[in-house]
Protein backbone atom coordinates (compact mmCIF):
# COMPACT_ATOMS: atom_id res chain seq x y z
CA MET A 1 73.41 -128.19 -4.88
CA VAL A 2 77.14 -127.71 -4.38
CA THR A 3 79.81 -125.14 -5.20
CA VAL A 4 83.34 -126.43 -5.69
CA THR A 5 86.56 -124.50 -6.27
CA GLY A 6 89.55 -126.31 -7.73
CA THR A 7 92.03 -126.75 -10.53
CA LEU A 8 91.26 -128.45 -13.84
CA ARG A 9 93.60 -131.43 -14.16
CA THR A 10 92.47 -132.76 -17.54
CA VAL A 11 90.18 -131.58 -20.32
CA THR A 12 89.02 -133.99 -23.04
CA LEU A 13 86.41 -134.21 -25.77
CA LYS A 14 84.36 -137.42 -25.43
CA PRO A 15 81.13 -138.23 -27.21
CA ARG A 16 78.20 -139.41 -25.04
CA SER A 17 75.43 -141.20 -26.92
CA GLY A 18 76.60 -139.60 -30.16
CA VAL A 19 76.58 -136.07 -28.69
CA PRO A 20 79.87 -134.19 -28.23
CA SER A 21 80.76 -133.46 -24.62
CA LEU A 22 83.62 -131.53 -23.10
CA GLU A 23 84.79 -133.30 -19.94
CA ALA A 24 87.21 -132.02 -17.31
CA GLU A 25 88.50 -133.33 -14.01
CA LEU A 26 88.30 -130.70 -11.26
CA PHE A 27 90.44 -131.28 -8.17
CA ASP A 28 89.79 -129.34 -4.96
CA GLY A 29 92.49 -130.97 -2.82
CA SER A 30 90.24 -133.70 -1.43
CA ALA A 31 88.73 -135.71 -4.29
CA PRO A 32 88.37 -135.37 -8.07
CA LEU A 33 85.05 -134.32 -9.59
CA ASP A 34 84.16 -134.72 -13.26
CA VAL A 35 82.65 -131.63 -14.89
CA VAL A 36 80.79 -132.30 -18.16
CA TRP A 37 79.35 -129.82 -20.65
CA LEU A 38 77.04 -131.75 -22.98
CA GLY A 39 76.85 -130.60 -26.60
CA ARG A 40 80.11 -128.62 -26.36
CA ARG A 41 83.34 -129.29 -28.23
CA SER A 42 85.30 -126.53 -26.51
CA ILE A 43 84.87 -123.59 -24.15
CA VAL A 44 87.30 -120.67 -24.18
CA GLY A 45 89.42 -120.76 -21.02
CA ILE A 46 88.60 -124.35 -20.06
CA GLU A 47 92.09 -125.86 -20.09
CA PRO A 48 94.31 -127.93 -17.78
CA GLY A 49 95.82 -125.93 -14.91
CA ARG A 50 93.04 -123.32 -14.86
CA LYS A 51 91.25 -122.55 -11.58
CA LEU A 52 87.46 -122.81 -11.70
CA ILE A 53 84.44 -122.40 -9.45
CA ALA A 54 81.62 -124.77 -10.48
CA SER A 55 78.07 -125.03 -9.12
CA GLY A 56 75.39 -127.61 -9.73
CA ARG A 57 73.89 -130.88 -8.61
CA VAL A 58 76.32 -133.77 -8.09
CA SER A 59 75.38 -137.04 -9.79
CA ILE A 60 77.10 -140.41 -9.93
CA ASP A 61 77.97 -141.56 -13.45
CA ARG A 62 80.02 -144.67 -14.13
CA GLY A 63 80.99 -144.76 -10.45
CA ARG A 64 82.37 -141.19 -10.40
CA ARG A 65 81.03 -137.92 -8.99
CA VAL A 66 80.01 -135.59 -11.83
CA LEU A 67 78.48 -132.16 -12.44
CA PHE A 68 76.62 -131.96 -15.76
CA ASN A 69 76.36 -128.52 -17.42
CA PRO A 70 77.36 -126.61 -14.28
CA LYS A 71 77.30 -122.89 -13.73
CA TYR A 72 80.96 -121.91 -13.63
CA GLU A 73 83.33 -119.03 -13.14
CA LEU A 74 86.92 -119.02 -14.39
CA ARG A 75 89.39 -117.46 -11.99
CA PRO A 76 91.48 -114.67 -13.59
CA LEU A 77 94.88 -115.75 -14.88
CA GLY A 78 97.75 -114.56 -12.71
CA ARG A 79 95.51 -113.93 -9.69
CA GLU A 80 94.68 -117.55 -8.93
């Protein structure tokens, strides 16, 4: 289990096996990490430039590090 704090670089909607999934790239200053919420089309506050703390189990998918359906906390705007 890991906890990562970083900034969302990109947020996109991509279907996986016919199921909607919201995918974001989280960058912590060392390496990007894909964060994927399966079955979601959008989540309020999940947008590029937003700071986020994400926790979960890191997997490798398509050669990239990824957290599927992580626990997360959005950092308050203006106090990031």
